[in-house]
């Protein structure tokens, strides 16, 4: 996978991992709920450090669930709800192993139809429609993976509004996304409006 331009965490090593390791990117996006974006996208690096090596879908999926949960719960915990998120990470990795031979990038590599990518992302445990659309926008905006029609598959997240992690390539961009989200929330609107 070509190096991406996400700059979310404020930590060079954490950003480098999600920009170069497709499984780290999937896990970071999975963790991006009910915690600050920086925290979510630091999770893959923290997990790799605790595992003592690169992220491997098969190894994560087959680790004893209690042992894996203990790694996720270790301070600082990878998520606000580490127990349930540990199970989701393992389910995600099992899906990647069983459906994509453990190769997270196979979800999008060489795929010309963005709807296929969308369907593959929605099928991931812990991913829903919005998360899949944001991920397609991340691929397009931060990794230059733009199959024809990607904008339709990404929906509102394809535009120029600073509405999601897909729009973050610097601390200034992170601040813009935060301000935009705050304004949307104050207006009673969602990220996709």
N, C-alpha and C. Protein backbone atom coordinates (compact mmCIF):
# COMPACT_ATOMS: atom_id res chain seq x y z
N UNK A 1 0.85 -1.17 0.00
CA UNK A 1 0.00 0.00 0.00
C UNK A 1 0.90 1.23 0.00
N UNK A 2 0.60 2.14 -0.88
CA UNK A 2 1.35 3.40 -0.93
C UNK A 2 1.10 4.17 0.36
N UNK A 3 2.08 4.94 0.78
CA UNK A 3 1.94 5.70 2.02
C UNK A 3 0.86 6.77 1.87
N UNK A 4 0.01 6.83 2.88
CA UNK A 4 -1.06 7.81 2.88
C UNK A 4 -0.64 9.11 3.54
N UNK A 5 -1.60 10.03 3.62
CA UNK A 5 -1.32 11.37 4.16
C UNK A 5 -2.16 11.69 5.40
N UNK A 6 -2.69 10.66 6.07
CA UNK A 6 -3.43 10.91 7.30
C UNK A 6 -2.48 11.45 8.36
N UNK A 7 -2.89 12.47 9.06
CA UNK A 7 -2.11 13.03 10.16
C UNK A 7 -3.08 13.36 11.28
N UNK A 8 -3.49 12.33 12.00
CA UNK A 8 -4.57 12.46 12.97
C UNK A 8 -4.07 12.50 14.41
N UNK A 9 -3.05 11.70 14.72
CA UNK A 9 -2.74 11.41 16.12
C UNK A 9 -1.81 12.41 16.80
N UNK A 10 -1.03 13.15 16.04
CA UNK A 10 -0.01 13.99 16.64
C UNK A 10 1.22 13.19 17.02
N UNK A 11 1.22 11.90 16.71
CA UNK A 11 2.34 11.01 17.00
C UNK A 11 2.84 10.43 15.68
N UNK A 12 4.07 10.73 15.34
CA UNK A 12 4.61 10.35 14.03
C UNK A 12 4.56 8.84 13.78
N UNK A 13 4.92 8.04 14.77
CA UNK A 13 4.94 6.59 14.58
C UNK A 13 3.52 6.03 14.41
N UNK A 14 2.58 6.54 15.18
CA UNK A 14 1.19 6.08 15.06
C UNK A 14 0.63 6.44 13.69
N UNK A 15 0.88 7.68 13.25
CA UNK A 15 0.40 8.10 11.93
C UNK A 15 1.07 7.28 10.83
N UNK A 16 2.37 7.02 10.97
CA UNK A 16 3.08 6.23 9.96
C UNK A 16 2.46 4.84 9.82
N UNK A 17 2.13 4.21 10.95
CA UNK A 17 1.56 2.86 10.88
C UNK A 17 0.23 2.85 10.14
N UNK A 18 -0.69 3.75 10.47
CA UNK A 18 -1.99 3.74 9.77
C UNK A 18 -1.86 4.18 8.32
N UNK A 19 -0.77 4.85 7.99
CA UNK A 19 -0.54 5.27 6.60
C UNK A 19 0.18 4.23 5.76
N UNK A 20 0.68 3.17 6.40
CA UNK A 20 1.44 2.16 5.66
C UNK A 20 0.94 0.74 5.86
N UNK A 21 0.12 0.50 6.84
CA UNK A 21 -0.37 -0.84 7.15
C UNK A 21 -1.90 -0.86 7.01
N UNK A 22 -2.41 -1.54 5.97
CA UNK A 22 -3.86 -1.55 5.76
C UNK A 22 -4.67 -2.08 6.93
N UNK A 23 -4.15 -3.10 7.63
CA UNK A 23 -4.89 -3.63 8.77
C UNK A 23 -4.93 -2.60 9.90
N UNK A 24 -3.84 -1.88 10.10
CA UNK A 24 -3.82 -0.81 11.10
C UNK A 24 -4.87 0.25 10.77
N UNK A 25 -4.98 0.58 9.50
CA UNK A 25 -5.97 1.57 9.07
C UNK A 25 -7.39 1.08 9.36
N UNK A 26 -7.67 -0.19 9.06
CA UNK A 26 -9.00 -0.75 9.34
C UNK A 26 -9.29 -0.75 10.84
N UNK A 27 -8.29 -1.11 11.64
CA UNK A 27 -8.49 -1.15 13.09
C UNK A 27 -8.67 0.26 13.64
N UNK A 28 -7.88 1.21 13.16
CA UNK A 28 -8.03 2.59 13.60
C UNK A 28 -9.42 3.11 13.32
N UNK A 29 -9.92 2.82 12.13
CA UNK A 29 -11.27 3.27 11.77
C UNK A 29 -12.32 2.56 12.63
N UNK A 30 -12.10 1.30 12.92
CA UNK A 30 -13.02 0.56 13.79
C UNK A 30 -13.09 1.22 15.17
N UNK A 31 -11.93 1.61 15.70
CA UNK A 31 -11.86 2.22 17.03
C UNK A 31 -12.44 3.64 17.06
N UNK A 32 -12.62 4.24 15.90
CA UNK A 32 -13.06 5.64 15.82
C UNK A 32 -14.56 5.76 16.08
N UNK A 33 -14.92 5.57 17.34
CA UNK A 33 -16.29 5.77 17.79
C UNK A 33 -16.26 5.94 19.31
N UNK A 34 -16.91 6.94 19.78
CA UNK A 34 -17.04 7.23 21.21
C UNK A 34 -15.71 7.52 21.90
N UNK A 35 -14.68 7.82 21.12
CA UNK A 35 -13.39 8.30 21.65
C UNK A 35 -12.88 9.35 20.68
N UNK A 36 -11.97 10.23 21.13
CA UNK A 36 -11.39 11.20 20.19
C UNK A 36 -10.66 10.48 19.05
N UNK A 37 -10.68 11.09 17.88
CA UNK A 37 -10.03 10.49 16.70
C UNK A 37 -8.57 10.17 16.96
N UNK A 38 -7.86 11.07 17.65
CA UNK A 38 -6.45 10.85 17.92
C UNK A 38 -6.25 9.54 18.70
N UNK A 39 -7.10 9.33 19.68
CA UNK A 39 -7.02 8.14 20.52
C UNK A 39 -7.26 6.89 19.67
N UNK A 40 -8.29 6.94 18.84
CA UNK A 40 -8.63 5.79 18.00
C UNK A 40 -7.48 5.39 17.08
N UNK A 41 -6.90 6.37 16.43
CA UNK A 41 -5.87 6.05 15.44
C UNK A 41 -4.48 5.82 16.06
N UNK A 42 -4.34 6.07 17.36
CA UNK A 42 -3.13 5.64 18.08
C UNK A 42 -3.25 4.17 18.46
N UNK A 43 -4.47 3.66 18.51
CA UNK A 43 -4.72 2.29 18.93
C UNK A 43 -3.93 1.23 18.19
N UNK A 44 -3.87 1.28 16.85
CA UNK A 44 -3.13 0.24 16.14
C UNK A 44 -1.65 0.17 16.53
N UNK A 45 -1.01 1.32 16.72
CA UNK A 45 0.41 1.33 17.11
C UNK A 45 0.56 0.77 18.53
N UNK A 46 -0.31 1.19 19.42
CA UNK A 46 -0.26 0.66 20.79
C UNK A 46 -0.46 -0.86 20.78
N UNK A 47 -1.39 -1.32 19.95
CA UNK A 47 -1.65 -2.76 19.86
C UNK A 47 -0.43 -3.50 19.30
N UNK A 48 0.16 -2.97 18.24
CA UNK A 48 1.35 -3.61 17.66
C UNK A 48 2.48 -3.67 18.69
N UNK A 49 2.66 -2.60 19.44
CA UNK A 49 3.70 -2.60 20.48
C UNK A 49 3.42 -3.67 21.53
N UNK A 50 2.17 -3.81 21.93
CA UNK A 50 1.81 -4.80 22.96
C UNK A 50 1.93 -6.23 22.44
N UNK A 51 1.69 -6.40 21.14
CA UNK A 51 1.83 -7.73 20.53
C UNK A 51 3.29 -8.06 20.26
N UNK A 52 4.14 -7.04 20.25
CA UNK A 52 5.56 -7.26 20.04
C UNK A 52 5.94 -7.49 18.59
N UNK A 53 5.13 -7.02 17.67
CA UNK A 53 5.45 -7.18 16.25
C UNK A 53 4.37 -6.60 15.38
N UNK A 54 4.46 -6.85 14.09
CA UNK A 54 3.48 -6.28 13.18
C UNK A 54 2.07 -6.86 13.42
N UNK A 55 1.09 -6.08 13.02
CA UNK A 55 -0.30 -6.54 13.13
C UNK A 55 -0.53 -7.65 12.12
N UNK A 56 -1.09 -8.74 12.58
CA UNK A 56 -1.35 -9.90 11.73
C UNK A 56 -2.77 -10.38 12.00
N UNK A 57 -3.61 -10.36 10.96
CA UNK A 57 -5.03 -10.69 11.13
C UNK A 57 -5.23 -12.08 11.74
N UNK A 58 -4.51 -13.07 11.24
CA UNK A 58 -4.68 -14.44 11.75
C UNK A 58 -4.25 -14.53 13.21
N UNK A 59 -3.09 -13.95 13.53
CA UNK A 59 -2.59 -14.02 14.91
C UNK A 59 -3.56 -13.34 15.87
N UNK A 60 -4.08 -12.19 15.48
CA UNK A 60 -5.03 -11.47 16.35
C UNK A 60 -6.32 -12.27 16.49
N UNK A 61 -6.82 -12.78 15.38
CA UNK A 61 -8.10 -13.52 15.41
C UNK A 61 -8.03 -14.77 16.26
N UNK A 62 -6.85 -15.41 16.31
CA UNK A 62 -6.74 -16.69 17.01
C UNK A 62 -6.14 -16.57 18.42
N UNK A 63 -5.84 -15.36 18.85
CA UNK A 63 -5.37 -15.17 20.23
C UNK A 63 -6.53 -15.45 21.17
N UNK A 64 -6.21 -16.07 22.31
CA UNK A 64 -7.23 -16.33 23.32
C UNK A 64 -7.96 -15.01 23.62
N UNK A 65 -9.29 -15.00 23.55
CA UNK A 65 -10.05 -13.76 23.75
C UNK A 65 -9.75 -13.05 25.06
N UNK A 66 -9.55 -13.80 26.14
CA UNK A 66 -9.25 -13.15 27.42
C UNK A 66 -7.87 -12.51 27.40
N UNK A 67 -6.90 -13.19 26.79
CA UNK A 67 -5.55 -12.63 26.67
C UNK A 67 -5.57 -11.37 25.81
N UNK A 68 -6.33 -11.45 24.70
CA UNK A 68 -6.40 -10.29 23.80
C UNK A 68 -7.09 -9.11 24.49
N UNK A 69 -8.17 -9.39 25.21
CA UNK A 69 -8.88 -8.33 25.93
C UNK A 69 -7.95 -7.68 26.95
N UNK A 70 -7.10 -8.46 27.59
CA UNK A 70 -6.16 -7.91 28.56
C UNK A 70 -5.19 -6.94 27.88
N UNK A 71 -4.77 -7.28 26.65
CA UNK A 71 -3.88 -6.37 25.90
C UNK A 71 -4.59 -5.06 25.56
N UNK A 72 -5.83 -5.15 25.17
CA UNK A 72 -6.59 -3.96 24.79
C UNK A 72 -6.90 -3.10 26.03
N UNK A 73 -7.12 -3.76 27.18
CA UNK A 73 -7.44 -3.04 28.41
C UNK A 73 -6.22 -2.43 29.08
N UNK A 74 -5.03 -2.94 28.77
CA UNK A 74 -3.80 -2.43 29.39
C UNK A 74 -3.76 -0.90 29.30
N UNK A 75 -3.30 -0.26 30.36
CA UNK A 75 -3.24 1.21 30.38
C UNK A 75 -2.14 1.73 29.47
N UNK A 76 -2.36 2.73 28.65
CA UNK A 76 -3.69 3.30 28.40
C UNK A 76 -4.51 2.36 27.51
N UNK A 77 -5.75 2.16 27.90
CA UNK A 77 -6.64 1.28 27.13
C UNK A 77 -6.79 1.80 25.71
N UNK A 78 -7.01 0.88 24.78
CA UNK A 78 -7.14 1.27 23.37
C UNK A 78 -8.46 1.97 23.08
N UNK A 79 -9.43 1.82 23.99
CA UNK A 79 -10.75 2.39 23.74
C UNK A 79 -11.46 2.60 25.06
N UNK A 80 -12.46 3.44 25.03
CA UNK A 80 -13.28 3.71 26.21
C UNK A 80 -13.98 2.44 26.70
N UNK A 81 -14.33 1.56 25.76
CA UNK A 81 -14.97 0.28 26.08
C UNK A 81 -14.05 -0.85 25.60
N UNK A 82 -12.95 -1.09 26.32
CA UNK A 82 -11.93 -2.01 25.81
C UNK A 82 -12.38 -3.45 25.67
N UNK A 83 -13.25 -3.92 26.55
CA UNK A 83 -13.69 -5.31 26.47
C UNK A 83 -14.46 -5.59 25.19
N UNK A 84 -15.48 -4.78 24.94
CA UNK A 84 -16.28 -5.00 23.72
C UNK A 84 -15.47 -4.70 22.47
N UNK A 85 -14.57 -3.71 22.55
CA UNK A 85 -13.77 -3.37 21.38
C UNK A 85 -12.74 -4.46 21.07
N UNK A 86 -12.23 -5.13 22.10
CA UNK A 86 -11.30 -6.24 21.87
C UNK A 86 -12.00 -7.33 21.04
N UNK A 87 -13.23 -7.64 21.41
CA UNK A 87 -13.99 -8.65 20.66
C UNK A 87 -14.23 -8.20 19.22
N UNK A 88 -14.50 -6.91 19.03
CA UNK A 88 -14.73 -6.39 17.67
C UNK A 88 -13.46 -6.45 16.84
N UNK A 89 -12.32 -6.11 17.45
CA UNK A 89 -11.05 -6.18 16.71
C UNK A 89 -10.79 -7.62 16.28
N UNK A 90 -11.00 -8.56 17.18
CA UNK A 90 -10.78 -9.96 16.83
C UNK A 90 -11.75 -10.42 15.73
N UNK A 91 -12.99 -9.99 15.81
CA UNK A 91 -13.97 -10.36 14.78
C UNK A 91 -13.58 -9.75 13.43
N UNK A 92 -13.13 -8.50 13.45
CA UNK A 92 -12.67 -7.84 12.22
C UNK A 92 -11.51 -8.62 11.61
N UNK A 93 -10.53 -8.97 12.44
CA UNK A 93 -9.36 -9.70 11.95
C UNK A 93 -9.73 -11.09 11.45
N UNK A 94 -10.66 -11.75 12.12
CA UNK A 94 -11.12 -13.06 11.65
C UNK A 94 -11.76 -12.93 10.27
N UNK A 95 -12.57 -11.89 10.10
CA UNK A 95 -13.21 -11.66 8.80
C UNK A 95 -12.16 -11.41 7.71
N UNK A 96 -11.18 -10.58 8.01
CA UNK A 96 -10.12 -10.29 7.03
C UNK A 96 -9.35 -11.56 6.70
N UNK A 97 -9.09 -12.39 7.69
CA UNK A 97 -8.36 -13.64 7.45
C UNK A 97 -9.20 -14.61 6.62
N UNK A 98 -10.46 -14.78 7.00
CA UNK A 98 -11.32 -15.77 6.34
C UNK A 98 -11.77 -15.34 4.94
N UNK A 99 -11.96 -14.04 4.72
CA UNK A 99 -12.51 -13.58 3.45
C UNK A 99 -11.50 -12.94 2.52
N UNK A 100 -10.34 -12.56 3.05
CA UNK A 100 -9.34 -11.86 2.23
C UNK A 100 -7.93 -12.40 2.47
N UNK A 101 -7.86 -13.67 2.91
CA UNK A 101 -6.57 -14.34 3.16
C UNK A 101 -5.66 -13.54 4.08
N UNK A 102 -6.24 -12.80 5.01
CA UNK A 102 -5.46 -12.04 5.97
C UNK A 102 -4.89 -10.74 5.42
N UNK A 103 -5.21 -10.42 4.18
CA UNK A 103 -4.67 -9.23 3.50
C UNK A 103 -5.73 -8.13 3.49
N UNK A 104 -5.63 -7.19 4.43
CA UNK A 104 -6.65 -6.14 4.54
C UNK A 104 -6.77 -5.32 3.26
N UNK A 105 -5.65 -5.06 2.59
CA UNK A 105 -5.68 -4.25 1.36
C UNK A 105 -6.44 -4.94 0.24
N UNK A 106 -6.61 -6.26 0.32
CA UNK A 106 -7.36 -6.97 -0.72
C UNK A 106 -8.81 -6.49 -0.80
N UNK A 107 -9.28 -5.83 0.25
CA UNK A 107 -10.64 -5.29 0.24
C UNK A 107 -10.78 -4.25 -0.87
N UNK A 108 -9.72 -3.50 -1.16
CA UNK A 108 -9.80 -2.45 -2.17
C UNK A 108 -8.75 -2.54 -3.27
N UNK A 109 -7.65 -3.25 -3.07
CA UNK A 109 -6.58 -3.28 -4.06
C UNK A 109 -7.08 -3.83 -5.40
N UNK A 110 -6.89 -3.04 -6.44
CA UNK A 110 -7.24 -3.47 -7.79
C UNK A 110 -8.73 -3.49 -8.09
N UNK A 111 -9.56 -3.08 -7.16
CA UNK A 111 -11.01 -3.11 -7.37
C UNK A 111 -11.42 -1.82 -8.09
N UNK A 112 -12.06 -1.96 -9.23
CA UNK A 112 -12.45 -0.80 -10.03
C UNK A 112 -13.84 -0.28 -9.72
N UNK A 113 -14.63 -1.11 -9.07
CA UNK A 113 -16.01 -0.71 -8.76
C UNK A 113 -16.09 -0.31 -7.29
N UNK A 114 -16.29 0.99 -6.99
CA UNK A 114 -16.35 1.42 -5.60
C UNK A 114 -17.50 0.80 -4.81
N UNK A 115 -18.54 0.37 -5.50
CA UNK A 115 -19.65 -0.29 -4.79
C UNK A 115 -19.21 -1.64 -4.24
N UNK A 116 -18.29 -2.30 -4.92
CA UNK A 116 -17.74 -3.57 -4.40
C UNK A 116 -16.94 -3.28 -3.13
N UNK A 117 -16.13 -2.24 -3.17
CA UNK A 117 -15.36 -1.85 -1.97
C UNK A 117 -16.32 -1.53 -0.84
N UNK A 118 -17.35 -0.77 -1.14
CA UNK A 118 -18.34 -0.40 -0.14
C UNK A 118 -18.98 -1.65 0.49
N UNK A 119 -19.40 -2.59 -0.35
CA UNK A 119 -20.04 -3.81 0.17
C UNK A 119 -19.06 -4.61 1.04
N UNK A 120 -17.80 -4.66 0.62
CA UNK A 120 -16.80 -5.39 1.42
C UNK A 120 -16.58 -4.71 2.76
N UNK A 121 -16.57 -3.38 2.78
CA UNK A 121 -16.37 -2.65 4.03
C UNK A 121 -17.57 -2.81 4.96
N UNK A 122 -18.78 -2.70 4.43
CA UNK A 122 -19.99 -2.85 5.24
C UNK A 122 -20.07 -4.26 5.84
N UNK A 123 -19.49 -5.24 5.16
CA UNK A 123 -19.50 -6.62 5.66
C UNK A 123 -18.55 -6.82 6.84
N UNK A 124 -17.64 -5.86 7.07
CA UNK A 124 -16.69 -5.99 8.17
C UNK A 124 -17.39 -5.84 9.52
N UNK A 125 -17.09 -6.72 10.46
CA UNK A 125 -17.66 -6.54 11.80
C UNK A 125 -17.28 -5.17 12.37
N UNK A 126 -18.26 -4.46 12.91
CA UNK A 126 -18.01 -3.15 13.49
C UNK A 126 -18.11 -2.00 12.52
N UNK A 127 -18.30 -2.30 11.25
CA UNK A 127 -18.45 -1.25 10.23
C UNK A 127 -19.91 -1.18 9.82
N UNK A 128 -20.38 0.02 9.63
CA UNK A 128 -21.73 0.24 9.13
C UNK A 128 -21.64 1.09 7.88
N UNK A 129 -22.77 1.58 7.44
CA UNK A 129 -22.80 2.38 6.21
C UNK A 129 -21.93 3.62 6.30
N UNK A 130 -22.07 4.39 7.37
CA UNK A 130 -21.31 5.64 7.47
C UNK A 130 -19.81 5.37 7.56
N UNK A 131 -19.41 4.41 8.37
CA UNK A 131 -17.98 4.09 8.51
C UNK A 131 -17.42 3.64 7.16
N UNK A 132 -18.18 2.85 6.40
CA UNK A 132 -17.73 2.40 5.09
C UNK A 132 -17.58 3.58 4.12
N UNK A 133 -18.51 4.51 4.16
CA UNK A 133 -18.43 5.69 3.28
C UNK A 133 -17.22 6.56 3.65
N UNK A 134 -17.00 6.75 4.94
CA UNK A 134 -15.83 7.53 5.37
C UNK A 134 -14.55 6.82 4.94
N UNK A 135 -14.51 5.50 5.07
CA UNK A 135 -13.30 4.76 4.69
C UNK A 135 -13.02 4.91 3.19
N UNK A 136 -14.05 4.88 2.38
CA UNK A 136 -13.86 5.10 0.94
C UNK A 136 -13.30 6.50 0.69
N UNK A 137 -13.79 7.48 1.44
CA UNK A 137 -13.26 8.84 1.33
C UNK A 137 -11.80 8.90 1.78
N UNK A 138 -11.45 8.15 2.82
CA UNK A 138 -10.05 8.08 3.26
C UNK A 138 -9.18 7.53 2.13
N UNK A 139 -9.63 6.43 1.53
CA UNK A 139 -8.85 5.83 0.43
C UNK A 139 -8.64 6.84 -0.70
N UNK A 140 -9.69 7.58 -1.02
CA UNK A 140 -9.60 8.54 -2.13
C UNK A 140 -8.77 9.77 -1.77
N UNK A 141 -9.08 10.36 -0.64
CA UNK A 141 -8.46 11.64 -0.27
C UNK A 141 -7.06 11.50 0.32
N UNK A 142 -6.80 10.44 1.06
CA UNK A 142 -5.51 10.31 1.74
C UNK A 142 -4.58 9.28 1.09
N UNK A 143 -5.11 8.38 0.23
CA UNK A 143 -4.29 7.35 -0.39
C UNK A 143 -4.36 7.37 -1.91
N UNK A 144 -5.08 8.32 -2.47
CA UNK A 144 -5.22 8.48 -3.92
C UNK A 144 -5.74 7.22 -4.61
N UNK A 145 -6.62 6.48 -3.91
CA UNK A 145 -7.29 5.31 -4.49
C UNK A 145 -8.68 5.77 -4.90
N UNK A 146 -8.82 6.11 -6.18
CA UNK A 146 -10.06 6.74 -6.65
C UNK A 146 -10.67 6.03 -7.84
N UNK A 147 -11.27 4.86 -7.62
CA UNK A 147 -11.93 4.22 -8.75
C UNK A 147 -13.08 5.09 -9.23
N UNK A 148 -13.37 5.02 -10.48
CA UNK A 148 -14.43 5.83 -11.06
C UNK A 148 -15.73 5.63 -10.29
N UNK A 149 -16.34 6.74 -9.85
CA UNK A 149 -17.58 6.68 -9.10
C UNK A 149 -17.38 6.63 -7.59
N UNK A 150 -16.15 6.79 -7.12
CA UNK A 150 -15.90 6.72 -5.67
C UNK A 150 -16.72 7.76 -4.91
N UNK A 151 -16.96 8.90 -5.54
CA UNK A 151 -17.70 9.97 -4.87
C UNK A 151 -19.12 9.51 -4.51
N UNK A 152 -19.74 8.78 -5.41
CA UNK A 152 -21.10 8.27 -5.15
C UNK A 152 -21.07 7.29 -3.96
N UNK A 153 -20.06 6.43 -3.95
CA UNK A 153 -19.95 5.44 -2.87
C UNK A 153 -19.62 6.10 -1.53
N UNK A 154 -18.85 7.18 -1.55
CA UNK A 154 -18.49 7.88 -0.31
C UNK A 154 -19.60 8.82 0.16
N UNK A 155 -20.53 9.14 -0.72
CA UNK A 155 -21.63 10.02 -0.35
C UNK A 155 -21.13 11.41 0.04
N UNK A 156 -21.71 11.98 1.08
CA UNK A 156 -21.36 13.33 1.51
C UNK A 156 -19.88 13.45 1.87
N UNK A 157 -19.24 12.35 2.24
CA UNK A 157 -17.85 12.40 2.67
C UNK A 157 -16.87 12.62 1.52
N UNK A 158 -17.38 12.66 0.31
CA UNK A 158 -16.54 12.93 -0.86
C UNK A 158 -16.34 14.43 -1.09
N UNK A 159 -17.18 15.26 -0.46
CA UNK A 159 -17.10 16.69 -0.74
C UNK A 159 -15.92 17.35 -0.03
N UNK A 160 -15.85 18.66 -0.13
CA UNK A 160 -14.72 19.41 0.43
C UNK A 160 -14.95 19.88 1.86
N UNK A 161 -16.14 19.62 2.42
CA UNK A 161 -16.38 19.99 3.81
C UNK A 161 -15.45 19.19 4.72
N UNK A 162 -14.91 19.79 5.75
CA UNK A 162 -14.03 19.06 6.67
C UNK A 162 -14.85 18.26 7.68
N UNK A 163 -15.49 17.18 7.19
CA UNK A 163 -16.48 16.50 8.01
C UNK A 163 -16.02 15.21 8.67
N UNK A 164 -14.86 14.68 8.32
CA UNK A 164 -14.47 13.38 8.89
C UNK A 164 -12.95 13.22 8.90
N UNK A 165 -12.52 12.11 9.43
CA UNK A 165 -11.09 11.79 9.47
C UNK A 165 -10.49 11.77 8.06
N UNK A 166 -11.29 11.52 7.05
CA UNK A 166 -10.81 11.52 5.67
C UNK A 166 -10.26 12.88 5.25
N UNK A 167 -10.62 13.91 5.97
CA UNK A 167 -10.21 15.27 5.63
C UNK A 167 -9.02 15.76 6.45
N UNK A 168 -8.38 14.87 7.20
CA UNK A 168 -7.32 15.29 8.12
C UNK A 168 -5.94 14.89 7.61
N UNK A 169 -5.15 15.91 7.28
CA UNK A 169 -3.77 15.68 6.86
C UNK A 169 -2.79 16.58 7.62
N UNK A 170 -3.29 17.23 8.67
CA UNK A 170 -2.45 18.14 9.46
C UNK A 170 -3.18 18.49 10.74
N UNK A 171 -2.46 19.04 11.73
CA UNK A 171 -3.14 19.50 12.94
C UNK A 171 -4.19 20.58 12.64
N UNK A 172 -3.91 21.43 11.66
CA UNK A 172 -4.87 22.47 11.28
C UNK A 172 -6.15 21.84 10.70
N UNK A 173 -5.98 20.80 9.89
CA UNK A 173 -7.14 20.11 9.33
C UNK A 173 -7.96 19.43 10.42
N UNK A 174 -7.28 18.87 11.42
CA UNK A 174 -7.98 18.26 12.55
C UNK A 174 -8.82 19.32 13.27
N UNK A 175 -8.25 20.49 13.47
CA UNK A 175 -8.99 21.58 14.13
C UNK A 175 -10.20 21.99 13.30
N UNK A 176 -10.04 22.05 11.96
CA UNK A 176 -11.18 22.40 11.09
C UNK A 176 -12.29 21.37 11.19
N UNK A 177 -11.93 20.09 11.19
CA UNK A 177 -12.94 19.02 11.30
C UNK A 177 -13.67 19.15 12.63
N UNK A 178 -12.94 19.36 13.70
CA UNK A 178 -13.56 19.50 15.02
C UNK A 178 -14.55 20.67 15.05
N UNK A 179 -14.15 21.82 14.50
CA UNK A 179 -15.03 22.99 14.48
C UNK A 179 -16.28 22.71 13.66
N UNK A 180 -16.11 22.07 12.50
CA UNK A 180 -17.25 21.78 11.64
C UNK A 180 -18.22 20.82 12.34
N UNK A 181 -17.66 19.78 12.97
CA UNK A 181 -18.51 18.81 13.68
C UNK A 181 -19.27 19.49 14.83
N UNK A 182 -18.59 20.37 15.54
CA UNK A 182 -19.22 21.09 16.65
C UNK A 182 -20.39 21.94 16.14
N UNK A 183 -20.17 22.62 15.02
CA UNK A 183 -21.22 23.45 14.42
C UNK A 183 -22.40 22.58 13.97
N UNK A 184 -22.11 21.43 13.38
CA UNK A 184 -23.17 20.52 12.94
C UNK A 184 -23.99 20.05 14.13
N UNK A 185 -23.28 19.66 15.20
CA UNK A 185 -23.97 19.18 16.39
C UNK A 185 -24.86 20.28 16.98
N UNK A 186 -24.33 21.50 17.03
CA UNK A 186 -25.10 22.63 17.56
C UNK A 186 -26.35 22.89 16.72
N UNK A 187 -26.26 22.61 15.42
CA UNK A 187 -27.39 22.82 14.52
C UNK A 187 -28.31 21.60 14.47
N UNK A 188 -27.96 20.55 15.24
CA UNK A 188 -28.78 19.34 15.24
C UNK A 188 -28.64 18.53 13.98
N UNK A 189 -27.47 18.64 13.33
CA UNK A 189 -27.24 17.91 12.08
C UNK A 189 -26.16 16.85 12.26
N UNK A 190 -26.19 15.86 11.36
CA UNK A 190 -25.21 14.79 11.41
C UNK A 190 -24.00 15.14 10.55
N UNK A 191 -22.98 14.27 10.59
CA UNK A 191 -21.78 14.47 9.77
C UNK A 191 -22.08 14.40 8.28
N UNK A 192 -23.13 13.67 7.92
CA UNK A 192 -23.41 13.47 6.50
C UNK A 192 -24.37 14.50 5.92
N UNK A 193 -24.81 15.46 6.76
CA UNK A 193 -25.72 16.50 6.25
C UNK A 193 -24.96 17.72 5.79
